Amino acid sequence: MKKKSLILIVAGMSVIVASQFITHFASTTDFFSGALLGIGIGIIFLGLVRLRPKTAK
């Protein structure tokens, strides 16, 4: 489970880096750059939530 979480975190960072490269070298709309940034942050958040240990009831 920990390995999948780390893969999600790395994938989210890769999406954010790719979006920054795309917006720097190509003319994109604000919606497109914001959508890519939001997707990257969402993937990182999903990886962090899965990394958190389960709480006992």
PDB file of N, CA and C in Angstrom:
ATOM      1  N   MET A   1       0.827  -1.198   0.000  1.00  0.00           N
ATOM      2  CA  MET A   1       0.000   0.000   0.000  1.00  0.00           C
ATOM      3  C   MET A   1       0.866   1.255   0.000  1.00  0.00           C
ATOM      4  N   LYS A   2       2.003   1.208   0.694  1.00  0.00           N
ATOM      5  CA  LYS A   2       2.865   2.377   0.763  1.00  0.00           C
ATOM      6  C   LYS A   2       3.482   2.688  -0.605  1.00  0.00           C
ATOM      7  N   LYS A   3       3.786   1.640  -1.365  1.00  0.00           N
ATOM      8  CA  LYS A   3       4.405   1.837  -2.674  1.00  0.00           C
ATOM      9  C   LYS A   3       3.438   2.538  -3.632  1.00  0.00           C
ATOM     10  N   LYS A   4       2.145   2.169  -3.577  1.00  0.00           N
ATOM     11  CA  LYS A   4       1.156   2.816  -4.436  1.00  0.00           C
ATOM     12  C   LYS A   4       0.999   4.286  -4.078  1.00  0.00           C
ATOM     13  N   SER A   5       1.070   4.602  -2.794  1.00  0.00           N
ATOM     14  CA  SER A   5       0.950   5.987  -2.363  1.00  0.00           C
ATOM     15  C   SER A   5       2.119   6.821  -2.876  1.00  0.00           C
ATOM     16  N   LEU A   6       3.311   6.263  -2.791  1.00  0.00           N
ATOM     17  CA  LEU A   6       4.482   6.997  -3.279  1.00  0.00           C
ATOM     18  C   LEU A   6       4.433   7.178  -4.793  1.00  0.00           C
ATOM     19  N   ILE A   7       3.907   6.192  -5.495  1.00  0.00           N
ATOM     20  CA  ILE A   7       3.762   6.315  -6.950  1.00  0.00           C
ATOM     21  C   ILE A   7       2.776   7.437  -7.279  1.00  0.00           C
ATOM     22  N   LEU A   8       1.680   7.537  -6.512  1.00  0.00           N
ATOM     23  CA  LEU A   8       0.714   8.608  -6.743  1.00  0.00           C
ATOM     24  C   LEU A   8       1.324   9.978  -6.470  1.00  0.00           C
ATOM     25  N   ILE A   9       2.123  10.088  -5.424  1.00  0.00           N
ATOM     26  CA  ILE A   9       2.756  11.368  -5.100  1.00  0.00           C
ATOM     27  C   ILE A   9       3.719  11.786  -6.208  1.00  0.00           C
ATOM     28  N   VAL A  10       4.518  10.855  -6.680  1.00  0.00           N
ATOM     29  CA  VAL A  10       5.465  11.153  -7.767  1.00  0.00           C
ATOM     30  C   VAL A  10       4.718  11.497  -9.055  1.00  0.00           C
ATOM     31  N   ALA A  11       3.629  10.796  -9.331  1.00  0.00           N
ATOM     32  CA  ALA A  11       2.848  11.081 -10.535  1.00  0.00           C
ATOM     33  C   ALA A  11       2.229  12.479 -10.455  1.00  0.00           C
ATOM     34  N   GLY A  12       1.745  12.854  -9.285  1.00  0.00           N
ATOM     35  CA  GLY A  12       1.182  14.196  -9.112  1.00  0.00           C
ATOM     36  C   GLY A  12       2.218  15.284  -9.316  1.00  0.00           C
ATOM     37  N   MET A  13       3.409  15.063  -8.770  1.00  0.00           N
ATOM     38  CA  MET A  13       4.481  16.045  -8.977  1.00  0.00           C
ATOM     39  C   MET A  13       4.885  16.112 -10.441  1.00  0.00           C
ATOM     40  N   SER A  14       4.872  14.981 -11.120  1.00  0.00           N
ATOM     41  CA  SER A  14       5.216  14.966 -12.544  1.00  0.00           C
ATOM     42  C   SER A  14       4.187  15.730 -13.371  1.00  0.00           C
ATOM     43  N   VAL A  15       2.911  15.610 -13.024  1.00  0.00           N
ATOM     44  CA  VAL A  15       1.865  16.350 -13.737  1.00  0.00           C
ATOM     45  C   VAL A  15       2.047  17.850 -13.521  1.00  0.00           C
ATOM     46  N   ILE A  16       2.381  18.252 -12.301  1.00  0.00           N
ATOM     47  CA  ILE A  16       2.584  19.677 -12.024  1.00  0.00           C
ATOM     48  C   ILE A  16       3.791  20.208 -12.789  1.00  0.00           C
ATOM     49  N   VAL A  17       4.878  19.445 -12.803  1.00  0.00           N
ATOM     50  CA  VAL A  17       6.083  19.874 -13.536  1.00  0.00           C
ATOM     51  C   VAL A  17       5.796  19.957 -15.023  1.00  0.00           C
ATOM     52  N   ALA A  18       5.090  18.977 -15.554  1.00  0.00           N
ATOM     53  CA  ALA A  18       4.761  18.990 -16.985  1.00  0.00           C
ATOM     54  C   ALA A  18       3.872  20.181 -17.321  1.00  0.00           C
ATOM     55  N   SER A  19       2.932  20.497 -16.447  1.00  0.00           N
ATOM     56  CA  SER A  19       2.061  21.640 -16.713  1.00  0.00           C
ATOM     57  C   SER A  19       2.845  22.949 -16.691  1.00  0.00           C
ATOM     58  N   GLN A  20       3.832  23.044 -15.812  1.00  0.00           N
ATOM     59  CA  GLN A  20       4.656  24.248 -15.774  1.00  0.00           C
ATOM     60  C   GLN A  20       5.497  24.379 -17.044  1.00  0.00           C
ATOM     61  N   PHE A  21       6.040  23.274 -17.525  1.00  0.00           N
ATOM     62  CA  PHE A  21       6.797  23.310 -18.781  1.00  0.00           C
ATOM     63  C   PHE A  21       5.901  23.701 -19.951  1.00  0.00           C
ATOM     64  N   ILE A  22       4.714  23.125 -19.994  1.00  0.00           N
ATOM     65  CA  ILE A  22       3.799  23.417 -21.098  1.00  0.00           C
ATOM     66  C   ILE A  22       3.406  24.891 -21.097  1.00  0.00           C
ATOM     67  N   THR A  23       3.065  25.424 -19.928  1.00  0.00           N
ATOM     68  CA  THR A  23       2.646  26.832 -19.876  1.00  0.00           C
ATOM     69  C   THR A  23       3.816  27.781 -20.109  1.00  0.00           C
ATOM     70  N   HIS A  24       5.032  27.344 -19.826  1.00  0.00           N
ATOM     71  CA  HIS A  24       6.182  28.216 -20.049  1.00  0.00           C
ATOM     72  C   HIS A  24       6.557  28.298 -21.527  1.00  0.00           C
ATOM     73  N   PHE A  25       6.489  27.186 -22.222  1.00  0.00           N
ATOM     74  CA  PHE A  25       6.949  27.137 -23.604  1.00  0.00           C
ATOM     75  C   PHE A  25       5.845  27.292 -24.639  1.00  0.00           C
ATOM     76  N   ALA A  26       4.586  27.146 -24.240  1.00  0.00           N
ATOM     77  CA  ALA A  26       3.479  27.253 -25.187  1.00  0.00           C
ATOM     78  C   ALA A  26       2.422  28.185 -24.614  1.00  0.00           C
ATOM     79  N   SER A  27       1.712  28.812 -25.495  1.00  0.00           N
ATOM     80  CA  SER A  27       0.638  29.699 -25.064  1.00  0.00           C
ATOM     81  C   SER A  27      -0.611  28.862 -24.781  1.00  0.00           C
ATOM     82  N   THR A  28      -1.008  28.833 -23.517  1.00  0.00           N
ATOM     83  CA  THR A  28      -2.175  28.056 -23.116  1.00  0.00           C
ATOM     84  C   THR A  28      -3.181  28.966 -22.419  1.00  0.00           C
ATOM     85  N   THR A  29      -4.391  28.489 -22.318  1.00  0.00           N
ATOM     86  CA  THR A  29      -5.415  29.251 -21.613  1.00  0.00           C
ATOM     87  C   THR A  29      -5.257  29.066 -20.111  1.00  0.00           C
ATOM     88  N   ASP A  30      -5.844  29.981 -19.360  1.00  0.00           N
ATOM     89  CA  ASP A  30      -5.797  29.872 -17.907  1.00  0.00           C
ATOM     90  C   ASP A  30      -6.530  28.632 -17.424  1.00  0.00           C
ATOM     91  N   PHE A  31      -7.607  28.274 -18.116  1.00  0.00           N
ATOM     92  CA  PHE A  31      -8.361  27.088 -17.723  1.00  0.00           C
ATOM     93  C   PHE A  31      -7.510  25.834 -17.846  1.00  0.00           C
ATOM     94  N   PHE A  32      -6.779  25.694 -18.945  1.00  0.00           N
ATOM     95  CA  PHE A  32      -5.952  24.510 -19.173  1.00  0.00           C
ATOM     96  C   PHE A  32      -4.826  24.409 -18.150  1.00  0.00           C
ATOM     97  N   SER A  33      -4.135  25.515 -17.901  1.00  0.00           N
ATOM     98  CA  SER A  33      -3.033  25.466 -16.938  1.00  0.00           C
ATOM     99  C   SER A  33      -3.563  25.234 -15.523  1.00  0.00           C
ATOM    100  N   GLY A  34      -4.696  25.838 -15.187  1.00  0.00           N
ATOM    101  CA  GLY A  34      -5.284  25.617 -13.876  1.00  0.00           C
ATOM    102  C   GLY A  34      -5.810  24.206 -13.699  1.00  0.00           C
ATOM    103  N   ALA A  35      -6.358  23.642 -14.776  1.00  0.00           N
ATOM    104  CA  ALA A  35      -6.860  22.265 -14.704  1.00  0.00           C
ATOM    105  C   ALA A  35      -5.718  21.278 -14.492  1.00  0.00           C
ATOM    106  N   LEU A  36      -4.619  21.461 -15.202  1.00  0.00           N
ATOM    107  CA  LEU A  36      -3.477  20.568 -15.008  1.00  0.00           C
ATOM    108  C   LEU A  36      -2.895  20.699 -13.606  1.00  0.00           C
ATOM    109  N   LEU A  37      -2.816  21.924 -13.112  1.00  0.00           N
ATOM    110  CA  LEU A  37      -2.303  22.131 -11.760  1.00  0.00           C
ATOM    111  C   LEU A  37      -3.233  21.488 -10.734  1.00  0.00           C
ATOM    112  N   GLY A  38      -4.525  21.632 -10.923  1.00  0.00           N
ATOM    113  CA  GLY A  38      -5.493  21.034 -10.006  1.00  0.00           C
ATOM    114  C   GLY A  38      -5.463  19.519 -10.031  1.00  0.00           C
ATOM    115  N   ILE A  39      -5.298  18.948 -11.201  1.00  0.00           N
ATOM    116  CA  ILE A  39      -5.199  17.489 -11.302  1.00  0.00           C
ATOM    117  C   ILE A  39      -3.954  16.991 -10.574  1.00  0.00           C
ATOM    118  N   GLY A  40      -2.847  17.694 -10.753  1.00  0.00           N
ATOM    119  CA  GLY A  40      -1.611  17.308 -10.060  1.00  0.00           C
ATOM    120  C   GLY A  40      -1.744  17.390  -8.550  1.00  0.00           C
ATOM    121  N   ILE A  41      -2.344  18.458  -8.055  1.00  0.00           N
ATOM    122  CA  ILE A  41      -2.546  18.601  -6.613  1.00  0.00           C
ATOM    123  C   ILE A  41      -3.501  17.528  -6.101  1.00  0.00           C
ATOM    124  N   GLY A  42      -4.524  17.215  -6.871  1.00  0.00           N
ATOM    125  CA  GLY A  42      -5.463  16.178  -6.469  1.00  0.00           C
ATOM    126  C   GLY A  42      -4.809  14.812  -6.370  1.00  0.00           C
ATOM    127  N   ILE A  43      -3.930  14.494  -7.314  1.00  0.00           N
ATOM    128  CA  ILE A  43      -3.239  13.197  -7.279  1.00  0.00           C
ATOM    129  C   ILE A  43      -2.304  13.138  -6.079  1.00  0.00           C
ATOM    130  N   ILE A  44      -1.604  14.233  -5.788  1.00  0.00           N
ATOM    131  CA  ILE A  44      -0.732  14.263  -4.606  1.00  0.00           C
ATOM    132  C   ILE A  44      -1.552  14.086  -3.335  1.00  0.00           C
ATOM    133  N   PHE A  45      -2.685  14.773  -3.246  1.00  0.00           N
ATOM    134  CA  PHE A  45      -3.545  14.663  -2.073  1.00  0.00           C
ATOM    135  C   PHE A  45      -4.055  13.235  -1.894  1.00  0.00           C
ATOM    136  N   LEU A  46      -4.425  12.599  -2.993  1.00  0.00           N
ATOM    137  CA  LEU A  46      -4.893  11.216  -2.934  1.00  0.00           C
ATOM    138  C   LEU A  46      -3.785  10.292  -2.423  1.00  0.00           C
ATOM    139  N   GLY A  47      -2.563  10.509  -2.862  1.00  0.00           N
ATOM    140  CA  GLY A  47      -1.440   9.708  -2.374  1.00  0.00           C
ATOM    141  C   GLY A  47      -1.169   9.927  -0.905  1.00  0.00           C
ATOM    142  N   LEU A  48      -1.300  11.168  -0.436  1.00  0.00           N
ATOM    143  CA  LEU A  48      -1.080  11.456   0.981  1.00  0.00           C
ATOM    144  C   LEU A  48      -2.173  10.857   1.853  1.00  0.00           C
ATOM    145  N   VAL A  49      -3.404  10.864   1.383  1.00  0.00           N
ATOM    146  CA  VAL A  49      -4.498  10.291   2.155  1.00  0.00           C
ATOM    147  C   VAL A  49      -4.331   8.782   2.259  1.00  0.00           C
ATOM    148  N   ARG A  50      -3.914   8.147   1.189  1.00  0.00           N
ATOM    149  CA  ARG A  50      -3.698   6.693   1.234  1.00  0.00           C
ATOM    150  C   ARG A  50      -2.497   6.325   2.075  1.00  0.00           C
ATOM    151  N   LEU A  51      -1.543   7.250   2.261  1.00  0.00           N
ATOM    152  CA  LEU A  51      -0.344   6.994   3.047  1.00  0.00           C
ATOM    153  C   LEU A  51      -0.633   7.023   4.536  1.00  0.00           C
ATOM    154  N   ARG A  52      -1.670   7.750   4.923  1.00  0.00           N
ATOM    155  CA  ARG A  52      -2.022   7.893   6.335  1.00  0.00           C
ATOM    156  C   ARG A  52      -2.481   6.552   6.899  1.00  0.00           C
ATOM    157  N   PRO A  53      -2.020   6.204   8.112  1.00  0.00           N
ATOM    158  CA  PRO A  53      -2.444   4.909   8.680  1.00  0.00           C
ATOM    159  C   PRO A  53      -3.925   4.911   9.032  1.00  0.00           C
ATOM    160  N   LYS A  54      -4.531   3.742   8.967  1.00  0.00           N
ATOM    161  CA  LYS A  54      -5.939   3.586   9.286  1.00  0.00           C
ATOM    162  C   LYS A  54      -6.133   3.722  10.801  1.00  0.00           C
ATOM    163  N   THR A  55      -7.200   4.390  11.203  1.00  0.00           N
ATOM    164  CA  THR A  55      -7.480   4.544  12.630  1.00  0.00           C
ATOM    165  C   THR A  55      -8.418   3.436  13.088  1.00  0.00           C
ATOM    166  N   ALA A  56      -8.211   2.975  14.298  1.00  0.00           N
ATOM    167  CA  ALA A  56      -9.046   1.908  14.859  1.00  0.00           C
ATOM    168  C   ALA A  56     -10.350   2.492  15.379  1.00  0.00           C
ATOM    169  N   LYS A  57     -11.427   1.740  15.239  1.00  0.00           N
ATOM    170  CA  LYS A  57     -12.731   2.212  15.723  1.00  0.00           C
ATOM    171  C   LYS A  57     -13.006   1.692  17.098  1.00  0.00           C
TER     172      LYS A  57
END
